Amino acid sequence: MSKTAKPCEQCNQMVEIRYRIQWDESRQWYQVCPDCWQKLSENNPLYRYGGTWKAKKRRNAKLTINNEQ
């Protein structure tokens, strides 16, 4: 798993994609994994989608030396 994965706020599974949703009467926003998203949204009149978070792949920084003459 990459270093940029984050835990699902419902099941604590480390994932690289999370969905921002509201699913209960508290109207609080949660970041959940695809599995929890599917379970919480199905036939739920309180469900509201708020976006998708995707982990970004980290790149190794390379130093470039310009030789000017």
PDB file of N, CA and C in Angstrom:
ATOM      1  N   MET A   1       0.861  -1.177   0.000  1.00  0.00           N
ATOM      2  CA  MET A   1       0.000   0.000   0.000  1.00  0.00           C
ATOM      3  C   MET A   1       0.900   1.231   0.000  1.00  0.00           C
ATOM      4  N   SER A   2       0.499   2.240  -0.701  1.00  0.00           N
ATOM      5  CA  SER A   2       1.308   3.446  -0.815  1.00  0.00           C
ATOM      6  C   SER A   2       1.267   4.253   0.472  1.00  0.00           C
ATOM      7  N   LYS A   3       2.228   5.143   0.626  1.00  0.00           N
ATOM      8  CA  LYS A   3       2.301   5.997   1.805  1.00  0.00           C
ATOM      9  C   LYS A   3       1.198   7.049   1.817  1.00  0.00           C
ATOM     10  N   THR A   4       0.520   7.233   0.704  1.00  0.00           N
ATOM     11  CA  THR A   4      -0.516   8.261   0.627  1.00  0.00           C
ATOM     12  C   THR A   4      -1.915   7.711   0.923  1.00  0.00           C
ATOM     13  N   ALA A   5      -2.029   6.418   1.206  1.00  0.00           N
ATOM     14  CA  ALA A   5      -3.329   5.842   1.553  1.00  0.00           C
ATOM     15  C   ALA A   5      -3.783   6.402   2.899  1.00  0.00           C
ATOM     16  N   LYS A   6      -5.103   6.516   3.061  1.00  0.00           N
ATOM     17  CA  LYS A   6      -5.672   7.023   4.312  1.00  0.00           C
ATOM     18  C   LYS A   6      -6.781   6.083   4.765  1.00  0.00           C
ATOM     19  N   PRO A   7      -7.105   6.092   6.063  1.00  0.00           N
ATOM     20  CA  PRO A   7      -8.117   5.158   6.562  1.00  0.00           C
ATOM     21  C   PRO A   7      -9.546   5.596   6.252  1.00  0.00           C
ATOM     22  N   CYS A   8     -10.379   4.612   5.989  1.00  0.00           N
ATOM     23  CA  CYS A   8     -11.821   4.833   5.865  1.00  0.00           C
ATOM     24  C   CYS A   8     -12.333   5.218   7.248  1.00  0.00           C
ATOM     25  N   GLU A   9     -13.187   6.230   7.325  1.00  0.00           N
ATOM     26  CA  GLU A   9     -13.706   6.674   8.617  1.00  0.00           C
ATOM     27  C   GLU A   9     -14.793   5.752   9.165  1.00  0.00           C
ATOM     28  N   GLN A  10     -15.186   4.753   8.405  1.00  0.00           N
ATOM     29  CA  GLN A  10     -16.203   3.806   8.870  1.00  0.00           C
ATOM     30  C   GLN A  10     -15.562   2.493   9.326  1.00  0.00           C
ATOM     31  N   CYS A  11     -14.664   1.923   8.505  1.00  0.00           N
ATOM     32  CA  CYS A  11     -14.089   0.605   8.813  1.00  0.00           C
ATOM     33  C   CYS A  11     -12.586   0.646   9.116  1.00  0.00           C
ATOM     34  N   ASN A  12     -11.953   1.793   8.946  1.00  0.00           N
ATOM     35  CA  ASN A  12     -10.517   2.001   9.197  1.00  0.00           C
ATOM     36  C   ASN A  12      -9.589   1.262   8.240  1.00  0.00           C
ATOM     37  N   GLN A  13     -10.106   0.733   7.152  1.00  0.00           N
ATOM     38  CA  GLN A  13      -9.273   0.097   6.136  1.00  0.00           C
ATOM     39  C   GLN A  13      -8.461   1.182   5.428  1.00  0.00           C
ATOM     40  N   MET A  14      -7.163   0.941   5.206  1.00  0.00           N
ATOM     41  CA  MET A  14      -6.315   1.891   4.488  1.00  0.00           C
ATOM     42  C   MET A  14      -6.612   1.775   2.994  1.00  0.00           C
ATOM     43  N   VAL A  15      -7.001   2.895   2.383  1.00  0.00           N
ATOM     44  CA  VAL A  15      -7.393   2.888   0.968  1.00  0.00           C
ATOM     45  C   VAL A  15      -6.818   4.100   0.245  1.00  0.00           C
ATOM     46  N   GLU A  16      -6.710   3.999  -1.058  1.00  0.00           N
ATOM     47  CA  GLU A  16      -6.210   5.098  -1.881  1.00  0.00           C
ATOM     48  C   GLU A  16      -7.341   5.908  -2.504  1.00  0.00           C
ATOM     49  N   ILE A  17      -8.575   5.423  -2.416  1.00  0.00           N
ATOM     50  CA  ILE A  17      -9.740   6.175  -2.905  1.00  0.00           C
ATOM     51  C   ILE A  17     -10.777   6.199  -1.787  1.00  0.00           C
ATOM     52  N   ARG A  18     -11.271   7.402  -1.484  1.00  0.00           N
ATOM     53  CA  ARG A  18     -12.342   7.554  -0.493  1.00  0.00           C
ATOM     54  C   ARG A  18     -13.395   8.497  -1.054  1.00  0.00           C
ATOM     55  N   TYR A  19     -14.638   8.265  -0.634  1.00  0.00           N
ATOM     56  CA  TYR A  19     -15.749   9.109  -1.057  1.00  0.00           C
ATOM     57  C   TYR A  19     -16.207   9.947   0.129  1.00  0.00           C
ATOM     58  N   ARG A  20     -16.462  11.216  -0.129  1.00  0.00           N
ATOM     59  CA  ARG A  20     -16.974  12.125   0.901  1.00  0.00           C
ATOM     60  C   ARG A  20     -18.493  12.049   0.834  1.00  0.00           C
ATOM     61  N   ILE A  21     -19.101  11.561   1.923  1.00  0.00           N
ATOM     62  CA  ILE A  21     -20.553  11.376   1.919  1.00  0.00           C
ATOM     63  C   ILE A  21     -21.179  11.795   3.251  1.00  0.00           C
ATOM     64  N   GLN A  22     -22.465  12.094   3.175  1.00  0.00           N
ATOM     65  CA  GLN A  22     -23.315  12.215   4.354  1.00  0.00           C
ATOM     66  C   GLN A  22     -24.272  11.038   4.276  1.00  0.00           C
ATOM     67  N   TRP A  23     -24.523  10.375   5.398  1.00  0.00           N
ATOM     68  CA  TRP A  23     -25.401   9.213   5.338  1.00  0.00           C
ATOM     69  C   TRP A  23     -26.337   9.072   6.535  1.00  0.00           C
ATOM     70  N   ASP A  24     -26.259  10.007   7.491  1.00  0.00           N
ATOM     71  CA  ASP A  24     -27.138   9.902   8.652  1.00  0.00           C
ATOM     72  C   ASP A  24     -27.715  11.271   9.010  1.00  0.00           C
ATOM     73  N   GLU A  25     -28.519  11.311  10.044  1.00  0.00           N
ATOM     74  CA  GLU A  25     -29.203  12.544  10.425  1.00  0.00           C
ATOM     75  C   GLU A  25     -28.272  13.621  10.969  1.00  0.00           C
ATOM     76  N   SER A  26     -27.041  13.259  11.320  1.00  0.00           N
ATOM     77  CA  SER A  26     -26.089  14.250  11.844  1.00  0.00           C
ATOM     78  C   SER A  26     -25.646  15.239  10.764  1.00  0.00           C
ATOM     79  N   ARG A  27     -25.793  14.856   9.518  1.00  0.00           N
ATOM     80  CA  ARG A  27     -25.367  15.651   8.352  1.00  0.00           C
ATOM     81  C   ARG A  27     -23.866  15.918   8.370  1.00  0.00           C
ATOM     82  N   GLN A  28     -23.123  15.104   9.101  1.00  0.00           N
ATOM     83  CA  GLN A  28     -21.666  15.200   9.150  1.00  0.00           C
ATOM     84  C   GLN A  28     -21.091  14.543   7.900  1.00  0.00           C
ATOM     85  N   TRP A  29     -19.993  15.112   7.381  1.00  0.00           N
ATOM     86  CA  TRP A  29     -19.328  14.532   6.221  1.00  0.00           C
ATOM     87  C   TRP A  29     -18.345  13.468   6.688  1.00  0.00           C
ATOM     88  N   TYR A  30     -18.333  12.332   5.985  1.00  0.00           N
ATOM     89  CA  TYR A  30     -17.423  11.226   6.273  1.00  0.00           C
ATOM     90  C   TYR A  30     -16.640  10.896   5.011  1.00  0.00           C
ATOM     91  N   GLN A  31     -15.401  10.442   5.191  1.00  0.00           N
ATOM     92  CA  GLN A  31     -14.572   9.949   4.091  1.00  0.00           C
ATOM     93  C   GLN A  31     -14.558   8.428   4.209  1.00  0.00           C
ATOM     94  N   VAL A  32     -15.197   7.749   3.265  1.00  0.00           N
ATOM     95  CA  VAL A  32     -15.339   6.298   3.364  1.00  0.00           C
ATOM     96  C   VAL A  32     -14.785   5.587   2.132  1.00  0.00           C
ATOM     97  N   CYS A  33     -14.415   4.321   2.323  1.00  0.00           N
ATOM     98  CA  CYS A  33     -13.877   3.496   1.236  1.00  0.00           C
ATOM     99  C   CYS A  33     -15.002   3.080   0.288  1.00  0.00           C
ATOM    100  N   PRO A  34     -14.646   2.566  -0.888  1.00  0.00           N
ATOM    101  CA  PRO A  34     -15.678   2.140  -1.841  1.00  0.00           C
ATOM    102  C   PRO A  34     -16.650   1.096  -1.273  1.00  0.00           C
ATOM    103  N   ASP A  35     -16.155   0.157  -0.452  1.00  0.00           N
ATOM    104  CA  ASP A  35     -17.039  -0.867   0.119  1.00  0.00           C
ATOM    105  C   ASP A  35     -18.074  -0.251   1.059  1.00  0.00           C
ATOM    106  N   CYS A  36     -17.614   0.613   1.964  1.00  0.00           N
ATOM    107  CA  CYS A  36     -18.540   1.260   2.902  1.00  0.00           C
ATOM    108  C   CYS A  36     -19.469   2.219   2.172  1.00  0.00           C
ATOM    109  N   TRP A  37     -18.957   2.913   1.169  1.00  0.00           N
ATOM    110  CA  TRP A  37     -19.776   3.835   0.379  1.00  0.00           C
ATOM    111  C   TRP A  37     -20.976   3.107  -0.224  1.00  0.00           C
ATOM    112  N   GLN A  38     -20.714   1.939  -0.795  1.00  0.00           N
ATOM    113  CA  GLN A  38     -21.790   1.177  -1.425  1.00  0.00           C
ATOM    114  C   GLN A  38     -22.833   0.752  -0.387  1.00  0.00           C
ATOM    115  N   LYS A  39     -22.383   0.277   0.772  1.00  0.00           N
ATOM    116  CA  LYS A  39     -23.307  -0.171   1.820  1.00  0.00           C
ATOM    117  C   LYS A  39     -24.118   0.991   2.397  1.00  0.00           C
ATOM    118  N   LEU A  40     -23.467   2.123   2.634  1.00  0.00           N
ATOM    119  CA  LEU A  40     -24.127   3.253   3.287  1.00  0.00           C
ATOM    120  C   LEU A  40     -25.067   4.027   2.369  1.00  0.00           C
ATOM    121  N   SER A  41     -24.793   3.992   1.073  1.00  0.00           N
ATOM    122  CA  SER A  41     -25.605   4.777   0.137  1.00  0.00           C
ATOM    123  C   SER A  41     -26.842   4.033  -0.370  1.00  0.00           C
ATOM    124  N   GLU A  42     -26.791   2.723  -0.362  1.00  0.00           N
ATOM    125  CA  GLU A  42     -27.867   1.915  -0.939  1.00  0.00           C
ATOM    126  C   GLU A  42     -29.190   2.108  -0.191  1.00  0.00           C
ATOM    127  N   ASN A  43     -30.212   2.525  -0.916  1.00  0.00           N
ATOM    128  CA  ASN A  43     -31.564   2.732  -0.375  1.00  0.00           C
ATOM    129  C   ASN A  43     -31.583   3.641   0.854  1.00  0.00           C
ATOM    130  N   ASN A  44     -30.723   4.644   0.875  1.00  0.00           N
ATOM    131  CA  ASN A  44     -30.631   5.551   2.022  1.00  0.00           C
ATOM    132  C   ASN A  44     -31.104   6.946   1.609  1.00  0.00           C
ATOM    133  N   PRO A  45     -32.261   7.392   2.089  1.00  0.00           N
ATOM    134  CA  PRO A  45     -32.772   8.717   1.709  1.00  0.00           C
ATOM    135  C   PRO A  45     -31.934   9.868   2.274  1.00  0.00           C
ATOM    136  N   LEU A  46     -31.086   9.591   3.271  1.00  0.00           N
ATOM    137  CA  LEU A  46     -30.238  10.627   3.869  1.00  0.00           C
ATOM    138  C   LEU A  46     -28.878  10.736   3.179  1.00  0.00           C
ATOM    139  N   TYR A  47     -28.609   9.818   2.239  1.00  0.00           N
ATOM    140  CA  TYR A  47     -27.316   9.784   1.551  1.00  0.00           C
ATOM    141  C   TYR A  47     -27.111  11.030   0.697  1.00  0.00           C
ATOM    142  N   ARG A  48     -25.884  11.570   0.761  1.00  0.00           N
ATOM    143  CA  ARG A  48     -25.507  12.711  -0.080  1.00  0.00           C
ATOM    144  C   ARG A  48     -24.033  12.575  -0.443  1.00  0.00           C
ATOM    145  N   TYR A  49     -23.728  12.654  -1.744  1.00  0.00           N
ATOM    146  CA  TYR A  49     -22.359  12.542  -2.252  1.00  0.00           C
ATOM    147  C   TYR A  49     -21.688  13.906  -2.248  1.00  0.00           C
ATOM    148  N   GLY A  50     -20.416  13.939  -1.836  1.00  0.00           N
ATOM    149  CA  GLY A  50     -19.709  15.215  -1.769  1.00  0.00           C
ATOM    150  C   GLY A  50     -18.369  15.243  -2.469  1.00  0.00           C
ATOM    151  N   GLY A  51     -18.011  14.190  -3.201  1.00  0.00           N
ATOM    152  CA  GLY A  51     -16.757  14.211  -3.940  1.00  0.00           C
ATOM    153  C   GLY A  51     -15.925  12.964  -3.704  1.00  0.00           C
ATOM    154  N   THR A  52     -14.853  12.859  -4.488  1.00  0.00           N
ATOM    155  CA  THR A  52     -13.952  11.713  -4.415  1.00  0.00           C
ATOM    156  C   THR A  52     -12.551  12.191  -4.091  1.00  0.00           C
ATOM    157  N   TRP A  53     -11.890  11.516  -3.159  1.00  0.00           N
ATOM    158  CA  TRP A  53     -10.491  11.790  -2.821  1.00  0.00           C
ATOM    159  C   TRP A  53      -9.662  10.642  -3.359  1.00  0.00           C
ATOM    160  N   LYS A  54      -8.621  10.966  -4.127  1.00  0.00           N
ATOM    161  CA  LYS A  54      -7.717   9.955  -4.662  1.00  0.00           C
ATOM    162  C   LYS A  54      -6.309  10.263  -4.198  1.00  0.00           C
ATOM    163  N   ALA A  55      -5.603   9.225  -3.753  1.00  0.00           N
ATOM    164  CA  ALA A  55      -4.219   9.392  -3.328  1.00  0.00           C
ATOM    165  C   ALA A  55      -3.372   9.748  -4.539  1.00  0.00           C
ATOM    166  N   LYS A  56      -2.436  10.642  -4.328  1.00  0.00           N
ATOM    167  CA  LYS A  56      -1.529  11.020  -5.404  1.00  0.00           C
ATOM    168  C   LYS A  56      -0.253  10.207  -5.279  1.00  0.00           C
ATOM    169  N   LYS A  57       0.208   9.705  -6.401  1.00  0.00           N
ATOM    170  CA  LYS A  57       1.462   8.965  -6.418  1.00  0.00           C
ATOM    171  C   LYS A  57       2.606   9.940  -6.202  1.00  0.00           C
ATOM    172  N   ARG A  58       3.522   9.575  -5.345  1.00  0.00           N
ATOM    173  CA  ARG A  58       4.673  10.441  -5.106  1.00  0.00           C
ATOM    174  C   ARG A  58       5.747  10.153  -6.137  1.00  0.00           C
ATOM    175  N   ARG A  59       6.347  11.216  -6.617  1.00  0.00           N
ATOM    176  CA  ARG A  59       7.440  11.074  -7.577  1.00  0.00           C
ATOM    177  C   ARG A  59       8.743  11.409  -6.885  1.00  0.00           C
ATOM    178  N   ASN A  60       9.802  10.750  -7.306  1.00  0.00           N
ATOM    179  CA  ASN A  60      11.118  11.073  -6.772  1.00  0.00           C
ATOM    180  C   ASN A  60      11.579  12.377  -7.388  1.00  0.00           C
ATOM    181  N   ALA A  61      11.990  13.289  -6.559  1.00  0.00           N
ATOM    182  CA  ALA A  61      12.480  14.574  -7.063  1.00  0.00           C
ATOM    183  C   ALA A  61      13.861  14.367  -7.667  1.00  0.00           C
ATOM    184  N   LYS A  62      14.048  14.878  -8.853  1.00  0.00           N
ATOM    185  CA  LYS A  62      15.340  14.773  -9.526  1.00  0.00           C
ATOM    186  C   LYS A  62      15.917  16.165  -9.676  1.00  0.00           C
ATOM    187  N   LEU A  63      17.178  16.292  -9.361  1.00  0.00           N
ATOM    188  CA  LEU A  63      17.860  17.566  -9.535  1.00  0.00           C
ATOM    189  C   LEU A  63      18.408  17.638 -10.945  1.00  0.00           C
ATOM    190  N   THR A  64      18.195  18.747 -11.572  1.00  0.00           N
ATOM    191  CA  THR A  64      18.698  18.954 -12.922  1.00  0.00           C
ATOM    192  C   THR A  64      19.752  20.046 -12.877  1.00  0.00           C
ATOM    193  N   ILE A  65      20.906  19.749 -13.420  1.00  0.00           N
ATOM    194  CA  ILE A  65      21.984  20.733 -13.462  1.00  0.00           C
ATOM    195  C   ILE A  65      22.092  21.242 -14.886  1.00  0.00           C
ATOM    196  N   ASN A  66      21.943  22.539 -15.049  1.00  0.00           N
ATOM    197  CA  ASN A  66      22.067  23.154 -16.366  1.00  0.00           C
ATOM    198  C   ASN A  66      23.491  23.648 -16.532  1.00  0.00           C
ATOM    199  N   ASN A  67      24.133  23.186 -17.563  1.00  0.00           N
ATOM    200  CA  ASN A  67      25.489  23.644 -17.870  1.00  0.00           C
ATOM    201  C   ASN A  67      25.399  24.749 -18.898  1.00  0.00           C
ATOM    202  N   GLU A  68      25.625  25.961 -18.449  1.00  0.00           N
ATOM    203  CA  GLU A  68      25.593  27.091 -19.374  1.00  0.00           C
ATOM    204  C   GLU A  68      27.018  27.491 -19.688  1.00  0.00           C
ATOM    205  N   GLN A  69      27.295  27.735 -20.943  1.00  0.00           N
ATOM    206  CA  GLN A  69      28.653  28.112 -21.347  1.00  0.00           C
ATOM    207  C   GLN A  69      28.681  29.458 -21.976  1.00  0.00           C
TER     208      GLN A  69
END
